[in-house]
Amino acid sequence: MSLKRKITILSSIWFLTFASCGKRYMPGYDYQLFDGTVASALAKAVEKEDTLLIENLIKENPELVNFRENRFGNSLLMLTIVNRNHYSMRTLLKNGANPNLEDYYRNKSSMMLACSFIGTDDCNLDVIQLLVQKYDGNVNSIQIVDTIEKGHRVVFNRSLLMSTIDDIGCLNIVKYLVE
């Protein structure tokens, strides 16, 4: 293989690796999952972080604040946490979003998602403290894991603390959850 060909291949790999470093795409946490639902307009407002529209839509129909899309069972609060839409997250919480609501797919609550995703960049406690101190986020959340390993069904409970240690390993978050 020529040097020019090797450089082209390495450049392509480098580009593909680092070009995706902006916004992460995770299919289960896409606002489009709410398209065609009663919460479609709210989902669009949440994605755009239009806090005034979010508040108005929730005032018109308060049940929308904890509406879950049908495929994975994620609420809009869950999506704001994973996608780091902090203004929308705070607005949803202020208007009654439940941080302890679990999804249908992995039995994860917004608290678990916050501990799994928020801290990944810099072990920042702000969102987790907000959920716990102001909105009664449950630090004793349990995720029921139902999986197949080596051909056998395995069901076990996974605590918020273990989820935090396994997913991000931020000791300051672990310490906060224990205290």
Foldseek 3Di string as FASTA:
>chain_A
DDPVVVVVVVVVVVCVVPVCPPFHDDPVLDLCLCPPHPCNVLSVCLVVLVLVVNVVVCVVPVVLLAAARDPWRDHSLLSCLQRVSVSSNVSSLVSPRAQCDATRHFRDGSLLSNLQHVCQPPHDCVVNCCCVVPVPRDLFDWIWGWDADPNDTDTDIDGSLNSNCVRHNRVVNSVVSVD
